[in-house]
Amino acid sequence: MTVPNPETPPSAPPAERLVPVLLRTKVKRPMVTYVILGVTILMYGLQYLSQSLLNGVDLPYVLGGKINDLILRGQVWRLITPVLLHGGILHLAFNMYALYSIGRSLELFYGHWRYLALYLATAYTGNVLSFIFSANPSLGASTAIFGLFAAQGVLIFKNRRLFGSRAQSMLINLGLVLAINLSLGFSPNSGIDYWGHIGGLIGGVVFAWVAGPVFAVKANAENGLELVDSVGRDQLRWAVLLSAGLFTAVVIGKFIVG
């Protein structure tokens, strides 16, 4: 990657106004993404096996799907477990392809634990908004997937100086993808939980805005210059508190109201 050289006058040729820097990512391999993929596919296998052995009864969904009446009875784990469940092979394939496409690169920038916190927080915020505004049962990883898309957008925007002229086109392309996918959810009889998608987006924006990577150029004795993430652990705690915490307050309000 290259960045503007502050010591070079603006009148210099473009090539001379740039200096190479080292981008050192948090991790080398996106292991959390691979683990989430494996666990989610395994859970779908259990769903399929259950329906085969129990006369069509999807036991994992019965135990972990987003079912509002059961959540109101205290089964609050249903606000996050739907992220591991899917309603069919195409549903699973679409979400896992999206996770594989966007999750791997995002995890490299976020690091394992911050990325996992992002995934779980946005799965939770998506299911909370669905719980509040939709009486329909639901399941699927798309709540977290939309959160990852939102986090990628925030990453590009907050580091747009480093992406240079590509930042605007990247954000426009990402916005188009999100707009198309959101519009599909508003189609009549689509069966898509658009409130879950919106909740995942909101959670992803909040989390990434507070704790998403922000890179600064710093001197490095060995390599000249390198990009270093300036976000610390305290901001991660605030991100979880502001995203999942605020949505938890909404859930408590729902329980009080009934």
Protein backbone atom coordinates (compact mmCIF):
# COMPACT_ATOMS: atom_id res chain seq x y z
CA MET A 1 0.00 0.00 0.00
CA THR A 2 1.12 3.59 -0.63
CA VAL A 3 0.28 6.82 1.16
CA PRO A 4 1.11 10.50 0.49
CA ASN A 5 4.60 11.49 1.57
CA PRO A 6 4.30 14.60 3.79
CA GLU A 7 7.88 15.65 3.00
CA THR A 8 7.31 15.80 -0.78
CA PRO A 9 6.08 19.11 -2.25
CA PRO A 10 2.65 19.04 -3.96
CA SER A 11 4.28 20.08 -7.24
CA ALA A 12 6.23 16.82 -7.48
CA PRO A 13 5.08 14.11 -9.92
CA PRO A 14 2.38 11.76 -8.50
CA ALA A 15 4.77 8.81 -8.20
CA GLU A 16 7.16 10.89 -6.08
CA ARG A 17 4.39 12.05 -3.78
CA LEU A 18 3.70 8.46 -2.66
CA VAL A 19 5.66 6.32 -0.25
CA PRO A 20 5.21 2.55 0.35
CA VAL A 21 4.06 1.43 3.80
CA LEU A 22 3.64 -1.96 5.44
CA LEU A 23 0.10 -3.00 6.41
CA ARG A 24 0.38 -5.46 9.25
CA THR A 25 -2.98 -7.19 9.78
CA LYS A 26 -4.13 -8.41 13.18
CA VAL A 27 -4.02 -12.08 12.18
CA LYS A 28 -2.65 -14.16 9.33
CA ARG A 29 -5.56 -16.55 8.76
CA PRO A 30 -9.31 -15.96 9.28
CA MET A 31 -9.79 -18.95 11.56
CA VAL A 32 -12.95 -17.62 13.27
CA THR A 33 -14.67 -17.29 9.89
CA TYR A 34 -13.77 -20.88 9.05
CA VAL A 35 -15.00 -22.10 12.45
CA ILE A 36 -18.31 -20.23 12.06
CA LEU A 37 -18.71 -21.72 8.58
CA GLY A 38 -18.04 -25.23 9.90
CA VAL A 39 -20.33 -24.96 12.91
CA THR A 40 -23.17 -23.44 10.87
CA ILE A 41 -22.93 -26.16 8.21
CA LEU A 42 -22.80 -28.80 10.96
CA MET A 43 -25.95 -27.34 12.53
CA TYR A 44 -27.74 -27.51 9.20
CA GLY A 45 -26.68 -31.15 8.95
CA LEU A 46 -28.29 -31.74 12.35
CA GLN A 47 -31.44 -29.96 11.17
CA TYR A 48 -31.60 -32.19 8.10
CA LEU A 49 -30.94 -35.33 10.15
CA SER A 50 -33.59 -34.35 12.67
CA GLN A 51 -36.24 -33.88 10.00
CA SER A 52 -35.30 -37.23 8.48
CA LEU A 53 -35.53 -39.13 11.76
CA LEU A 54 -38.38 -37.27 13.50
CA ASN A 55 -41.00 -37.18 10.75
CA GLY A 56 -40.19 -33.67 9.57
CA VAL A 57 -39.58 -32.12 13.01
CA ASP A 58 -36.64 -29.68 12.93
CA LEU A 59 -35.46 -30.13 16.51
CA PRO A 60 -32.59 -27.57 16.40
CA TYR A 61 -35.06 -24.95 15.17
CA VAL A 62 -37.62 -25.95 17.83
CA LEU A 63 -34.93 -25.45 20.48
CA GLY A 64 -33.20 -22.37 19.07
CA GLY A 65 -35.28 -20.55 16.47
CA LYS A 66 -36.56 -17.00 16.97
CA ILE A 67 -40.04 -17.69 18.33
CA ASN A 68 -41.42 -14.66 20.13
CA ASP A 69 -43.78 -16.44 22.55
CA LEU A 70 -40.96 -18.61 23.85
CA ILE A 71 -38.61 -15.64 24.17
CA LEU A 72 -41.26 -13.89 26.27
CA ARG A 73 -41.34 -16.98 28.49
CA GLY A 74 -37.66 -16.48 29.27
CA GLN A 75 -35.86 -18.40 26.50
CA VAL A 76 -33.68 -15.41 25.71
CA TRP A 77 -30.98 -17.52 24.03
CA ARG A 78 -33.29 -17.47 21.01
CA LEU A 79 -32.13 -13.90 20.38
CA ILE A 80 -28.78 -15.23 19.17
CA THR A 81 -29.02 -18.97 18.37
CA PRO A 82 -30.99 -18.42 15.11
CA VAL A 83 -27.70 -17.27 13.53
CA LEU A 84 -26.65 -20.94 13.40
CA LEU A 85 -29.86 -22.24 11.81
CA HIS A 86 -31.20 -22.15 8.23
CA GLY A 87 -34.41 -22.93 6.45
CA GLY A 88 -32.98 -24.75 3.44
CA ILE A 89 -29.87 -25.55 1.45
CA LEU A 90 -30.15 -22.41 -0.72
CA HIS A 91 -30.64 -20.25 2.37
CA LEU A 92 -27.53 -21.80 3.90
CA ALA A 93 -25.49 -21.57 0.70
CA PHE A 94 -26.26 -17.89 0.12
CA ASN A 95 -25.38 -16.87 3.68
CA MET A 96 -22.24 -19.00 3.86
CA TYR A 97 -21.02 -17.67 0.51
CA ALA A 98 -21.53 -14.11 1.79
CA LEU A 99 -19.74 -14.95 5.04
CA TYR A 100 -16.84 -16.54 3.17
CA SER A 101 -16.59 -13.59 0.77
CA ILE A 102 -16.64 -10.74 3.26
CA GLY A 103 -15.76 -12.36 6.58
CA ARG A 104 -12.25 -13.51 5.73
CA SER A 105 -10.83 -10.09 4.85
CA LEU A 106 -12.74 -8.36 7.64
CA GLU A 107 -11.35 -10.75 10.24
CA LEU A 108 -7.78 -10.03 9.10
CA PHE A 109 -8.30 -6.35 9.94
CA TYR A 110 -10.37 -6.88 13.09
CA GLY A 111 -8.50 -9.78 14.66
CA HIS A 112 -10.12 -12.98 15.92
CA TRP A 113 -11.83 -11.82 19.12
CA ARG A 114 -13.02 -8.42 17.92
CA TYR A 115 -14.40 -10.03 14.77
CA LEU A 116 -16.20 -12.72 16.79
CA ALA A 117 -17.66 -10.01 19.04
CA LEU A 118 -18.87 -8.15 15.94
CA TYR A 119 -20.48 -11.28 14.49
CA LEU A 120 -22.29 -12.21 17.70
CA ALA A 121 -23.33 -8.64 18.53
CA THR A 122 -24.89 -8.08 15.12
CA ALA A 123 -26.62 -11.47 15.18
CA TYR A 124 -28.10 -10.39 18.50
CA THR A 125 -29.13 -6.88 17.44
CA GLY A 126 -30.77 -8.26 14.30
CA ASN A 127 -32.82 -10.80 16.21
CA VAL A 128 -33.77 -8.20 18.82
CA LEU A 129 -35.20 -5.84 16.22
CA SER A 130 -37.03 -8.76 14.62
CA PHE A 131 -38.39 -9.75 18.04
CA ILE A 132 -39.66 -6.22 18.65
CA PHE A 133 -41.24 -5.54 15.25
CA SER A 134 -42.10 -8.94 13.77
CA ALA A 135 -44.26 -11.67 15.25
CA ASN A 136 -43.08 -14.16 12.63
CA PRO A 137 -40.59 -16.86 13.61
CA SER A 138 -37.24 -16.63 11.87
CA LEU A 139 -33.76 -18.11 11.58
CA GLY A 140 -30.58 -17.56 9.60
CA ALA A 141 -27.15 -15.93 9.65
CA SER A 142 -28.22 -12.94 7.54
CA THR A 143 -28.58 -10.74 10.63
CA ALA A 144 -24.83 -11.08 11.25
CA ILE A 145 -24.01 -10.99 7.52
CA PHE A 146 -25.67 -7.59 7.19
CA GLY A 147 -23.69 -6.50 10.25
CA LEU A 148 -20.46 -7.53 8.52
CA PHE A 149 -21.41 -5.56 5.39
CA ALA A 150 -22.09 -2.50 7.55
CA ALA A 151 -18.75 -2.95 9.33
CA GLN A 152 -16.95 -3.17 6.01
CA GLY A 153 -18.56 0.09 4.90
CA VAL A 154 -17.49 1.82 8.09
CA LEU A 155 -13.96 0.41 7.70
CA ILE A 156 -13.67 1.86 4.20
CA PHE A 157 -15.19 5.22 5.20
CA LYS A 158 -13.07 5.76 8.31
CA ASN A 159 -9.90 4.83 6.38
CA ARG A 160 -10.90 6.44 3.09
CA ARG A 161 -7.68 8.46 2.86
CA LEU A 162 -5.74 5.21 2.69
CA PHE A 163 -8.01 3.71 0.02
CA GLY A 164 -7.64 6.88 -2.04
CA SER A 165 -9.77 7.25 -5.15
CA ARG A 166 -11.10 3.71 -4.79
CA ALA A 167 -12.97 4.51 -1.56
CA GLN A 168 -15.92 6.21 -3.24
CA SER A 169 -16.52 3.43 -5.77
CA MET A 170 -16.12 0.77 -3.08
CA LEU A 171 -18.73 2.47 -0.88
CA ILE A 172 -21.12 2.94 -3.80
CA ASN A 173 -20.84 -0.73 -4.79
CA LEU A 174 -21.37 -1.83 -1.20
CA GLY A 175 -24.37 0.48 -0.87
CA LEU A 176 -25.94 -0.97 -4.02
CA VAL A 177 -25.50 -4.53 -2.76
CA LEU A 178 -27.13 -3.64 0.56
CA ALA A 179 -29.97 -1.72 -1.11
CA ILE A 180 -30.79 -4.64 -3.42
CA ASN A 181 -30.76 -7.16 -0.59
CA LEU A 182 -32.87 -4.96 1.67
CA SER A 183 -35.40 -4.33 -1.09
CA LEU A 184 -35.86 -8.07 -1.56
CA GLY A 185 -36.99 -8.32 2.04
CA PHE A 186 -39.77 -5.78 1.52
CA SER A 187 -41.29 -7.78 -1.36
CA PRO A 188 -44.75 -9.24 -0.55
CA ASN A 189 -44.62 -12.84 0.69
CA SER A 190 -40.84 -12.91 0.44
CA GLY A 191 -40.53 -14.68 3.77
CA ILE A 192 -37.40 -12.62 4.47
CA ASP A 193 -36.96 -11.16 7.94
CA TYR A 194 -36.12 -7.60 6.87
CA TRP A 195 -36.33 -6.33 10.46
CA GLY A 196 -33.53 -8.74 11.31
CA HIS A 197 -31.48 -7.39 8.43
CA ILE A 198 -32.03 -3.80 9.53
CA GLY A 199 -31.13 -4.67 13.11
CA GLY A 200 -27.92 -6.33 11.96
CA LEU A 201 -27.04 -3.27 9.89
CA ILE A 202 -27.62 -0.90 12.81
CA GLY A 203 -25.62 -3.08 15.18
CA GLY A 204 -22.79 -3.35 12.65
CA VAL A 205 -22.62 0.42 12.11
CA VAL A 206 -22.59 1.15 15.86
CA PHE A 207 -20.03 -1.54 16.66
CA ALA A 208 -17.71 -0.66 13.78
CA TRP A 209 -17.95 3.08 14.34
CA VAL A 210 -16.81 2.69 17.95
CA ALA A 211 -14.37 -0.23 17.69
CA GLY A 212 -13.63 -0.73 14.00
CA PRO A 213 -9.99 -0.45 12.87
CA VAL A 214 -8.65 3.06 12.23
CA PHE A 215 -5.17 2.95 10.73
CA ALA A 216 -2.46 5.51 11.38
CA VAL A 217 0.95 5.75 9.70
CA LYS A 218 3.80 5.23 12.13
CA ALA A 219 7.56 4.94 11.75
CA ASN A 220 9.08 1.50 11.91
CA ALA A 221 12.83 1.02 12.32
CA GLU A 222 12.85 -2.17 10.25
CA ASN A 223 10.45 -1.34 7.44
CA GLY A 224 10.34 2.45 7.26
CA LEU A 225 6.61 3.11 7.68
CA GLU A 226 3.71 0.89 8.64
CA LEU A 227 -0.02 1.21 9.21
CA VAL A 228 -1.05 0.54 12.81
CA ASP A 229 -4.57 0.14 14.16
CA SER A 230 -5.11 2.92 16.70
CA VAL A 231 -8.22 1.40 18.31
CA GLY A 232 -7.74 -0.16 21.76
CA ARG A 233 -9.57 -2.67 23.94
CA ASP A 234 -11.53 -0.02 25.82
CA GLN A 235 -13.28 0.93 22.59
CA LEU A 236 -14.20 -2.72 22.05
CA ARG A 237 -15.97 -2.76 25.42
CA TRP A 238 -17.84 0.41 24.51
CA ALA A 239 -18.81 -1.08 21.16
CA VAL A 240 -20.38 -4.14 22.81
CA LEU A 241 -22.10 -1.95 25.39
CA LEU A 242 -23.53 0.50 22.88
CA SER A 243 -24.68 -2.11 20.36
CA ALA A 244 -25.79 -5.16 22.34
CA GLY A 245 -26.37 -3.17 25.55
CA LEU A 246 -28.80 -0.68 24.06
CA PHE A 247 -30.71 -3.43 22.29
CA THR A 248 -30.88 -5.37 25.58
CA ALA A 249 -32.58 -2.35 27.14
CA VAL A 250 -35.15 -2.51 24.35
CA VAL A 251 -35.76 -6.21 25.07
CA ILE A 252 -36.24 -5.48 28.77
CA GLY A 253 -38.77 -2.82 27.81
CA LYS A 254 -40.60 -5.38 25.66
CA PHE A 255 -40.76 -7.78 28.61
CA ILE A 256 -42.13 -5.07 30.88
CA VAL A 257 -44.78 -4.01 28.38
CA GLY A 258 -45.62 -7.64 27.73
